[in-house]
């Protein structure tokens, strides 16, 4: 399959999270690796390398979903009105 004349031919691929982090700040990735390997050596090879090899959209998407779940507004309790109860207690 060829592209029409004048169209650039580009390979479509995903950027790995490790490469993305490296492009932004290589020193912080190296410092983080040194810190993790000093504290928990097995964590770098088994968990963090796995995360760094995933596409950027997947890592940031999962992080965003986790933050939405953690910081979502809580539903009010049914039948509980704190302002009304304080007003009745004061009267």
PDB file of N, CA and C in Angstrom:
ATOM      1  N   UNK A   1       0.851  -1.166   0.000  1.00  0.00           N
ATOM      2  CA  UNK A   1       0.000   0.000   0.000  1.00  0.00           C
ATOM      3  C   UNK A   1       0.901   1.234   0.000  1.00  0.00           C
ATOM      4  N   UNK A   2       0.663   2.116  -0.905  1.00  0.00           N
ATOM      5  CA  UNK A   2       1.486   3.315  -1.001  1.00  0.00           C
ATOM      6  C   UNK A   2       0.645   4.551  -0.737  1.00  0.00           C
ATOM      7  N   UNK A   3       1.317   5.594  -0.288  1.00  0.00           N
ATOM      8  CA  UNK A   3       0.628   6.862  -0.026  1.00  0.00           C
ATOM      9  C   UNK A   3       0.471   7.629  -1.325  1.00  0.00           C
ATOM     10  N   UNK A   4      -0.582   8.450  -1.416  1.00  0.00           N
ATOM     11  CA  UNK A   4      -0.739   9.285  -2.619  1.00  0.00           C
ATOM     12  C   UNK A   4       0.444  10.233  -2.776  1.00  0.00           C
ATOM     13  N   UNK A   5       0.639  10.703  -3.980  1.00  0.00           N
ATOM     14  CA  UNK A   5       1.776  11.585  -4.265  1.00  0.00           C
ATOM     15  C   UNK A   5       1.689  12.850  -3.409  1.00  0.00           C
ATOM     16  N   UNK A   6       2.807  13.219  -2.817  1.00  0.00           N
ATOM     17  CA  UNK A   6       2.866  14.422  -2.007  1.00  0.00           C
ATOM     18  C   UNK A   6       2.596  14.193  -0.526  1.00  0.00           C
ATOM     19  N   UNK A   7       2.150  13.007  -0.146  1.00  0.00           N
ATOM     20  CA  UNK A   7       1.879  12.723   1.258  1.00  0.00           C
ATOM     21  C   UNK A   7       3.135  12.124   1.887  1.00  0.00           C
ATOM     22  N   UNK A   8       3.509  12.598   3.064  1.00  0.00           N
ATOM     23  CA  UNK A   8       4.674  11.996   3.728  1.00  0.00           C
ATOM     24  C   UNK A   8       4.327  10.605   4.271  1.00  0.00           C
ATOM     25  N   UNK A   9       5.265   9.721   4.188  1.00  0.00           N
ATOM     26  CA  UNK A   9       5.069   8.375   4.721  1.00  0.00           C
ATOM     27  C   UNK A   9       5.716   8.340   6.101  1.00  0.00           C
ATOM     28  N   UNK A  10       4.895   8.105   7.106  1.00  0.00           N
ATOM     29  CA  UNK A  10       5.391   8.073   8.485  1.00  0.00           C
ATOM     30  C   UNK A  10       4.963   6.774   9.151  1.00  0.00           C
ATOM     31  N   UNK A  11       5.824   6.282   9.966  1.00  0.00           N
ATOM     32  CA  UNK A  11       5.477   5.101  10.741  1.00  0.00           C
ATOM     33  C   UNK A  11       4.730   5.560  11.992  1.00  0.00           C
ATOM     34  N   UNK A  12       3.648   4.908  12.290  1.00  0.00           N
ATOM     35  CA  UNK A  12       2.855   5.256  13.468  1.00  0.00           C
ATOM     36  C   UNK A  12       3.324   4.379  14.624  1.00  0.00           C
ATOM     37  N   UNK A  13       3.718   4.997  15.692  1.00  0.00           N
ATOM     38  CA  UNK A  13       4.180   4.243  16.843  1.00  0.00           C
ATOM     39  C   UNK A  13       3.893   5.012  18.121  1.00  0.00           C
ATOM     40  N   UNK A  14       4.001   4.341  19.229  1.00  0.00           N
ATOM     41  CA  UNK A  14       3.750   4.951  20.524  1.00  0.00           C
ATOM     42  C   UNK A  14       5.068   5.262  21.212  1.00  0.00           C
ATOM     43  N   UNK A  15       5.095   6.361  21.928  1.00  0.00           N
ATOM     44  CA  UNK A  15       6.274   6.735  22.703  1.00  0.00           C
ATOM     45  C   UNK A  15       6.202   6.033  24.056  1.00  0.00           C
ATOM     46  N   UNK A  16       7.292   5.382  24.412  1.00  0.00           N
ATOM     47  CA  UNK A  16       7.343   4.726  25.716  1.00  0.00           C
ATOM     48  C   UNK A  16       7.478   5.778  26.804  1.00  0.00           C
ATOM     49  N   UNK A  17       6.940   5.486  27.992  1.00  0.00           N
ATOM     50  CA  UNK A  17       6.973   6.429  29.102  1.00  0.00           C
ATOM     51  C   UNK A  17       8.406   6.731  29.526  1.00  0.00           C
ATOM     52  N   UNK A  18       9.275   5.737  29.494  1.00  0.00           N
ATOM     53  CA  UNK A  18      10.676   5.957  29.853  1.00  0.00           C
ATOM     54  C   UNK A  18      11.359   6.919  28.890  1.00  0.00           C
ATOM     55  N   UNK A  19      11.073   6.791  27.614  1.00  0.00           N
ATOM     56  CA  UNK A  19      11.647   7.690  26.622  1.00  0.00           C
ATOM     57  C   UNK A  19      11.095   9.108  26.797  1.00  0.00           C
ATOM     58  N   UNK A  20       9.801   9.214  27.076  1.00  0.00           N
ATOM     59  CA  UNK A  20       9.164  10.505  27.303  1.00  0.00           C
ATOM     60  C   UNK A  20       9.783  11.214  28.511  1.00  0.00           C
ATOM     61  N   UNK A  21       9.952  10.475  29.619  1.00  0.00           N
ATOM     62  CA  UNK A  21      10.561  11.035  30.828  1.00  0.00           C
ATOM     63  C   UNK A  21      12.003  11.442  30.534  1.00  0.00           C
ATOM     64  N   UNK A  22      12.704  10.631  29.787  1.00  0.00           N
ATOM     65  CA  UNK A  22      14.088  10.918  29.423  1.00  0.00           C
ATOM     66  C   UNK A  22      14.186  12.187  28.573  1.00  0.00           C
ATOM     67  N   UNK A  23      13.223  12.385  27.678  1.00  0.00           N
ATOM     68  CA  UNK A  23      13.216  13.589  26.849  1.00  0.00           C
ATOM     69  C   UNK A  23      12.953  14.840  27.675  1.00  0.00           C
ATOM     70  N   UNK A  24      12.152  14.711  28.709  1.00  0.00           N
ATOM     71  CA  UNK A  24      11.816  15.874  29.534  1.00  0.00           C
ATOM     72  C   UNK A  24      12.956  16.216  30.489  1.00  0.00           C
ATOM     73  N   UNK A  25      13.437  15.234  31.245  1.00  0.00           N
ATOM     74  CA  UNK A  25      14.513  15.502  32.203  1.00  0.00           C
ATOM     75  C   UNK A  25      15.265  14.209  32.495  1.00  0.00           C
ATOM     76  N   UNK A  26      16.378  14.029  31.834  1.00  0.00           N
ATOM     77  CA  UNK A  26      17.157  12.804  31.963  1.00  0.00           C
ATOM     78  C   UNK A  26      17.787  12.682  33.347  1.00  0.00           C
ATOM     79  N   UNK A  27      18.195  13.803  33.939  1.00  0.00           N
ATOM     80  CA  UNK A  27      18.853  13.767  35.249  1.00  0.00           C
ATOM     81  C   UNK A  27      17.911  13.256  36.336  1.00  0.00           C
ATOM     82  N   UNK A  28      16.628  13.634  36.271  1.00  0.00           N
ATOM     83  CA  UNK A  28      15.697  13.185  37.309  1.00  0.00           C
ATOM     84  C   UNK A  28      15.438  11.683  37.199  1.00  0.00           C
ATOM     85  N   UNK A  29      15.396  11.160  35.971  1.00  0.00           N
ATOM     86  CA  UNK A  29      15.195   9.719  35.814  1.00  0.00           C
ATOM     87  C   UNK A  29      16.400   8.955  36.357  1.00  0.00           C
ATOM     88  N   UNK A  30      17.595   9.435  36.100  1.00  0.00           N
ATOM     89  CA  UNK A  30      18.802   8.777  36.616  1.00  0.00           C
ATOM     90  C   UNK A  30      18.862   8.853  38.134  1.00  0.00           C
ATOM     91  N   UNK A  31      18.495  10.002  38.690  1.00  0.00           N
ATOM     92  CA  UNK A  31      18.498  10.154  40.148  1.00  0.00           C
ATOM     93  C   UNK A  31      17.449   9.251  40.790  1.00  0.00           C
ATOM     94  N   UNK A  32      16.286   9.157  40.169  1.00  0.00           N
ATOM     95  CA  UNK A  32      15.234   8.283  40.683  1.00  0.00           C
ATOM     96  C   UNK A  32      15.673   6.823  40.641  1.00  0.00           C
ATOM     97  N   UNK A  33      16.328   6.426  39.555  1.00  0.00           N
ATOM     98  CA  UNK A  33      16.803   5.050  39.444  1.00  0.00           C
ATOM     99  C   UNK A  33      17.839   4.746  40.530  1.00  0.00           C
ATOM    100  N   UNK A  34      18.757   5.665  40.752  1.00  0.00           N
ATOM    101  CA  UNK A  34      19.770   5.475  41.791  1.00  0.00           C
ATOM    102  C   UNK A  34      19.124   5.357  43.162  1.00  0.00           C
ATOM    103  N   UNK A  35      18.144   6.212  43.428  1.00  0.00           N
ATOM    104  CA  UNK A  35      17.467   6.202  44.727  1.00  0.00           C
ATOM    105  C   UNK A  35      16.710   4.896  44.939  1.00  0.00           C
ATOM    106  N   UNK A  36      15.974   4.436  43.902  1.00  0.00           N
ATOM    107  CA  UNK A  36      15.195   3.202  44.029  1.00  0.00           C
ATOM    108  C   UNK A  36      16.117   2.001  44.184  1.00  0.00           C
ATOM    109  N   UNK A  37      17.179   1.942  43.400  1.00  0.00           N
ATOM    110  CA  UNK A  37      18.093   0.804  43.505  1.00  0.00           C
ATOM    111  C   UNK A  37      18.807   0.768  44.848  1.00  0.00           C
ATOM    112  N   UNK A  38      19.003   1.907  45.483  1.00  0.00           N
ATOM    113  CA  UNK A  38      19.623   1.932  46.812  1.00  0.00           C
ATOM    114  C   UNK A  38      18.642   1.461  47.887  1.00  0.00           C
ATOM    115  N   UNK A  39      17.375   1.808  47.734  1.00  0.00           N
ATOM    116  CA  UNK A  39      16.372   1.461  48.758  1.00  0.00           C
ATOM    117  C   UNK A  39      15.813   0.049  48.565  1.00  0.00           C
ATOM    118  N   UNK A  40      15.312  -0.228  47.366  1.00  0.00           N
ATOM    119  CA  UNK A  40      14.670  -1.516  47.077  1.00  0.00           C
ATOM    120  C   UNK A  40      15.125  -1.969  45.693  1.00  0.00           C
ATOM    121  N   UNK A  41      16.232  -2.718  45.602  1.00  0.00           N
ATOM    122  CA  UNK A  41      16.801  -3.061  44.293  1.00  0.00           C
ATOM    123  C   UNK A  41      15.868  -3.854  43.374  1.00  0.00           C
ATOM    124  N   UNK A  42      15.065  -4.747  43.911  1.00  0.00           N
ATOM    125  CA  UNK A  42      14.197  -5.570  43.072  1.00  0.00           C
ATOM    126  C   UNK A  42      13.060  -4.764  42.451  1.00  0.00           C
ATOM    127  N   UNK A  43      12.698  -3.634  43.042  1.00  0.00           N
ATOM    128  CA  UNK A  43      11.582  -2.843  42.542  1.00  0.00           C
ATOM    129  C   UNK A  43      11.878  -2.260  41.159  1.00  0.00           C
ATOM    130  N   UNK A  44      13.112  -1.863  40.926  1.00  0.00           N
ATOM    131  CA  UNK A  44      13.457  -1.257  39.631  1.00  0.00           C
ATOM    132  C   UNK A  44      13.308  -2.271  38.498  1.00  0.00           C
ATOM    133  N   UNK A  45      13.847  -3.461  38.707  1.00  0.00           N
ATOM    134  CA  UNK A  45      13.849  -4.450  37.620  1.00  0.00           C
ATOM    135  C   UNK A  45      12.481  -5.077  37.389  1.00  0.00           C
ATOM    136  N   UNK A  46      11.677  -5.228  38.434  1.00  0.00           N
ATOM    137  CA  UNK A  46      10.422  -5.953  38.266  1.00  0.00           C
ATOM    138  C   UNK A  46       9.214  -5.053  38.015  1.00  0.00           C
ATOM    139  N   UNK A  47       9.156  -3.879  38.623  1.00  0.00           N
ATOM    140  CA  UNK A  47       7.960  -3.056  38.513  1.00  0.00           C
ATOM    141  C   UNK A  47       8.201  -1.802  37.683  1.00  0.00           C
ATOM    142  N   UNK A  48       9.181  -1.026  38.037  1.00  0.00           N
ATOM    143  CA  UNK A  48       9.376   0.277  37.406  1.00  0.00           C
ATOM    144  C   UNK A  48       9.787   0.133  35.951  1.00  0.00           C
ATOM    145  N   UNK A  49      10.622  -0.821  35.626  1.00  0.00           N
ATOM    146  CA  UNK A  49      10.989  -1.040  34.211  1.00  0.00           C
ATOM    147  C   UNK A  49       9.759  -1.411  33.385  1.00  0.00           C
ATOM    148  N   UNK A  50       8.854  -2.168  33.974  1.00  0.00           N
ATOM    149  CA  UNK A  50       7.614  -2.531  33.291  1.00  0.00           C
ATOM    150  C   UNK A  50       6.782  -1.281  32.994  1.00  0.00           C
ATOM    151  N   UNK A  51       6.678  -0.375  33.951  1.00  0.00           N
ATOM    152  CA  UNK A  51       5.916   0.867  33.759  1.00  0.00           C
ATOM    153  C   UNK A  51       6.607   1.753  32.728  1.00  0.00           C
ATOM    154  N   UNK A  52       7.931   1.847  32.773  1.00  0.00           N
ATOM    155  CA  UNK A  52       8.663   2.702  31.843  1.00  0.00           C
ATOM    156  C   UNK A  52       8.580   2.204  30.399  1.00  0.00           C
ATOM    157  N   UNK A  53       8.293   0.931  30.200  1.00  0.00           N
ATOM    158  CA  UNK A  53       8.189   0.375  28.854  1.00  0.00           C
ATOM    159  C   UNK A  53       6.786   0.491  28.253  1.00  0.00           C
ATOM    160  N   UNK A  54       5.825   1.015  29.025  1.00  0.00           N
ATOM    161  CA  UNK A  54       4.455   1.170  28.533  1.00  0.00           C
ATOM    162  C   UNK A  54       4.296   2.488  27.780  1.00  0.00           C
ATOM    163  N   UNK A  55       3.291   2.583  26.912  1.00  0.00           N
ATOM    164  CA  UNK A  55       3.055   3.845  26.201  1.00  0.00           C
ATOM    165  C   UNK A  55       2.665   4.971  27.167  1.00  0.00           C
ATOM    166  N   UNK A  56       3.022   6.183  26.794  1.00  0.00           N
ATOM    167  CA  UNK A  56       2.766   7.345  27.646  1.00  0.00           C
ATOM    168  C   UNK A  56       1.277   7.496  27.929  1.00  0.00           C
ATOM    169  N   UNK A  57       0.437   7.347  26.901  1.00  0.00           N
ATOM    170  CA  UNK A  57      -0.997   7.565  27.110  1.00  0.00           C
ATOM    171  C   UNK A  57      -1.571   6.581  28.125  1.00  0.00           C
ATOM    172  N   UNK A  58      -1.056   5.359  28.160  1.00  0.00           N
ATOM    173  CA  UNK A  58      -1.573   4.364  29.095  1.00  0.00           C
ATOM    174  C   UNK A  58      -1.175   4.702  30.532  1.00  0.00           C
ATOM    175  N   UNK A  59       0.076   5.066  30.736  1.00  0.00           N
ATOM    176  CA  UNK A  59       0.559   5.377  32.088  1.00  0.00           C
ATOM    177  C   UNK A  59      -0.147   6.616  32.627  1.00  0.00           C
ATOM    178  N   UNK A  60      -0.191   7.690  31.831  1.00  0.00           N
ATOM    179  CA  UNK A  60      -0.827   8.917  32.300  1.00  0.00           C
ATOM    180  C   UNK A  60      -2.337   8.764  32.406  1.00  0.00           C
ATOM    181  N   UNK A  61      -2.934   7.949  31.550  1.00  0.00           N
ATOM    182  CA  UNK A  61      -4.365   7.695  31.641  1.00  0.00           C
ATOM    183  C   UNK A  61      -4.741   6.970  32.914  1.00  0.00           C
ATOM    184  N   UNK A  62      -3.982   5.942  33.265  1.00  0.00           N
ATOM    185  CA  UNK A  62      -4.246   5.199  34.504  1.00  0.00           C
ATOM    186  C   UNK A  62      -4.008   6.093  35.714  1.00  0.00           C
ATOM    187  N   UNK A  63      -2.957   6.896  35.681  1.00  0.00           N
ATOM    188  CA  UNK A  63      -2.696   7.833  36.771  1.00  0.00           C
ATOM    189  C   UNK A  63      -3.849   8.831  36.914  1.00  0.00           C
ATOM    190  N   UNK A  64      -4.356   9.347  35.805  1.00  0.00           N
ATOM    191  CA  UNK A  64      -5.477  10.277  35.848  1.00  0.00           C
ATOM    192  C   UNK A  64      -6.736   9.651  36.416  1.00  0.00           C
ATOM    193  N   UNK A  65      -7.021   8.411  36.021  1.00  0.00           N
ATOM    194  CA  UNK A  65      -8.204   7.722  36.545  1.00  0.00           C
ATOM    195  C   UNK A  65      -8.070   7.499  38.040  1.00  0.00           C
ATOM    196  N   UNK A  66      -6.884   7.102  38.499  1.00  0.00           N
ATOM    197  CA  UNK A  66      -6.670   6.911  39.939  1.00  0.00           C
ATOM    198  C   UNK A  66      -6.857   8.212  40.715  1.00  0.00           C
ATOM    199  N   UNK A  67      -6.345   9.311  40.184  1.00  0.00           N
ATOM    200  CA  UNK A  67      -6.521  10.599  40.853  1.00  0.00           C
ATOM    201  C   UNK A  67      -7.991  11.020  40.879  1.00  0.00           C
ATOM    202  N   UNK A  68      -8.731  10.753  39.807  1.00  0.00           N
ATOM    203  CA  UNK A  68     -10.160  11.074  39.795  1.00  0.00           C
ATOM    204  C   UNK A  68     -10.919  10.269  40.844  1.00  0.00           C
ATOM    205  N   UNK A  69     -10.555   9.010  41.004  1.00  0.00           N
ATOM    206  CA  UNK A  69     -11.230   8.170  41.993  1.00  0.00           C
ATOM    207  C   UNK A  69     -10.877   8.622  43.407  1.00  0.00           C
ATOM    208  N   UNK A  70      -9.618   8.931  43.641  1.00  0.00           N
ATOM    209  CA  UNK A  70      -9.192   9.337  44.986  1.00  0.00           C
ATOM    210  C   UNK A  70      -9.765  10.676  45.420  1.00  0.00           C
ATOM    211  N   UNK A  71      -9.879  11.626  44.506  1.00  0.00           N
ATOM    212  CA  UNK A  71     -10.267  12.979  44.875  1.00  0.00           C
ATOM    213  C   UNK A  71     -11.650  13.388  44.371  1.00  0.00           C
ATOM    214  N   UNK A  72     -12.504  12.423  44.114  1.00  0.00           N
ATOM    215  CA  UNK A  72     -13.856  12.765  43.679  1.00  0.00           C
ATOM    216  C   UNK A  72     -14.652  13.290  44.875  1.00  0.00           C
ATOM    217  N   UNK A  73     -15.644  14.153  44.625  1.00  0.00           N
ATOM    218  CA  UNK A  73     -16.466  14.645  45.734  1.00  0.00           C
ATOM    219  C   UNK A  73     -17.328  13.511  46.291  1.00  0.00           C
ATOM    220  N   UNK A  74     -17.435  13.471  47.566  1.00  0.00           N
ATOM    221  CA  UNK A  74     -18.222  12.415  48.211  1.00  0.00           C
ATOM    222  C   UNK A  74     -19.705  12.727  48.131  1.00  0.00           C
ATOM    223  N   UNK A  75     -20.500  11.706  47.989  1.00  0.00           N
ATOM    224  CA  UNK A  75     -21.947  11.879  47.968  1.00  0.00           C
ATOM    225  C   UNK A  75     -22.433  12.140  49.396  1.00  0.00           C
ATOM    226  N   UNK A  76     -23.390  13.052  49.559  1.00  0.00           N
ATOM    227  CA  UNK A  76     -23.906  13.288  50.915  1.00  0.00           C
ATOM    228  C   UNK A  76     -24.701  12.071  51.406  1.00  0.00           C
ATOM    229  N   UNK A  77     -24.703  11.892  52.702  1.00  0.00           N
ATOM    230  CA  UNK A  77     -25.464  10.797  53.283  1.00  0.00           C
ATOM    231  C   UNK A  77     -26.956  11.080  53.136  1.00  0.00           C
ATOM    232  N   UNK A  78     -27.724  10.064  52.863  1.00  0.00           N
ATOM    233  CA  UNK A  78     -29.158  10.236  52.677  1.00  0.00           C
ATOM    234  C   UNK A  78     -29.811  10.468  54.043  1.00  0.00           C
ATOM    235  N   UNK A  79     -30.613  11.511  54.119  1.00  0.00           N
ATOM    236  CA  UNK A  79     -31.340  11.790  55.358  1.00  0.00           C
ATOM    237  C   UNK A  79     -30.514  12.492  56.419  1.00  0.00           C
ATOM    238  N   UNK A  80     -29.338  12.952  56.095  1.00  0.00           N
ATOM    239  CA  UNK A  80     -28.491  13.614  57.079  1.00  0.00           C
ATOM    240  C   UNK A  80     -28.288  15.051  56.636  1.00  0.00           C
ATOM    241  N   UNK A  81     -28.789  15.983  57.432  1.00  0.00           N
ATOM    242  CA  UNK A  81     -28.659  17.403  57.136  1.00  0.00           C
ATOM    243  C   UNK A  81     -27.941  18.067  58.296  1.00  0.00           C
ATOM    244  N   UNK A  82     -26.638  18.264  58.223  1.00  0.00           N
ATOM    245  CA  UNK A  82     -25.892  18.792  59.370  1.00  0.00           C
ATOM    246  C   UNK A  82     -26.338  20.194  59.776  1.00  0.00           C
ATOM    247  N   UNK A  83     -26.724  21.050  58.840  1.00  0.00           N
ATOM    248  CA  UNK A  83     -27.149  22.408  59.200  1.00  0.00           C
ATOM    249  C   UNK A  83     -28.484  22.368  59.947  1.00  0.00           C
ATOM    250  N   UNK A  84     -29.385  21.530  59.486  1.00  0.00           N
ATOM    251  CA  UNK A  84     -30.695  21.415  60.128  1.00  0.00           C
ATOM    252  C   UNK A  84     -30.542  20.862  61.530  1.00  0.00           C
ATOM    253  N   UNK A  85     -29.710  19.872  61.719  1.00  0.00           N
ATOM    254  CA  UNK A  85     -29.504  19.273  63.041  1.00  0.00           C
ATOM    255  C   UNK A  85     -28.863  20.262  64.005  1.00  0.00           C
ATOM    256  N   UNK A  86     -27.951  21.104  63.548  1.00  0.00           N
ATOM    257  CA  UNK A  86     -27.344  22.109  64.424  1.00  0.00           C
ATOM    258  C   UNK A  86     -28.365  23.154  64.827  1.00  0.00           C
ATOM    259  N   UNK A  87     -29.248  23.528  63.885  1.00  0.00           N
ATOM    260  CA  UNK A  87     -30.264  24.521  64.202  1.00  0.00           C
ATOM    261  C   UNK A  87     -31.252  23.981  65.240  1.00  0.00           C
ATOM    262  N   UNK A  88     -31.630  22.724  65.145  1.00  0.00           N
ATOM    263  CA  UNK A  88     -32.527  22.118  66.129  1.00  0.00           C
ATOM    264  C   UNK A  88     -31.869  21.990  67.489  1.00  0.00           C
ATOM    265  N   UNK A  89     -30.547  21.681  67.501  1.00  0.00           N
ATOM    266  CA  UNK A  89     -29.843  21.524  68.768  1.00  0.00           C
ATOM    267  C   UNK A  89     -29.695  22.873  69.463  1.00  0.00           C
ATOM    268  N   UNK A  90     -29.558  23.951  68.715  1.00  0.00           N
ATOM    269  CA  UNK A  90     -29.396  25.279  69.311  1.00  0.00           C
ATOM    270  C   UNK A  90     -30.728  25.803  69.839  1.00  0.00           C
ATOM    271  N   UNK A  91     -31.840  25.354  69.280  1.00  0.00           N
ATOM    272  CA  UNK A  91     -33.160  25.878  69.690  1.00  0.00           C
ATOM    273  C   UNK A  91     -33.659  25.280  70.974  1.00  0.00           C
TER     274      UNK A  91
END
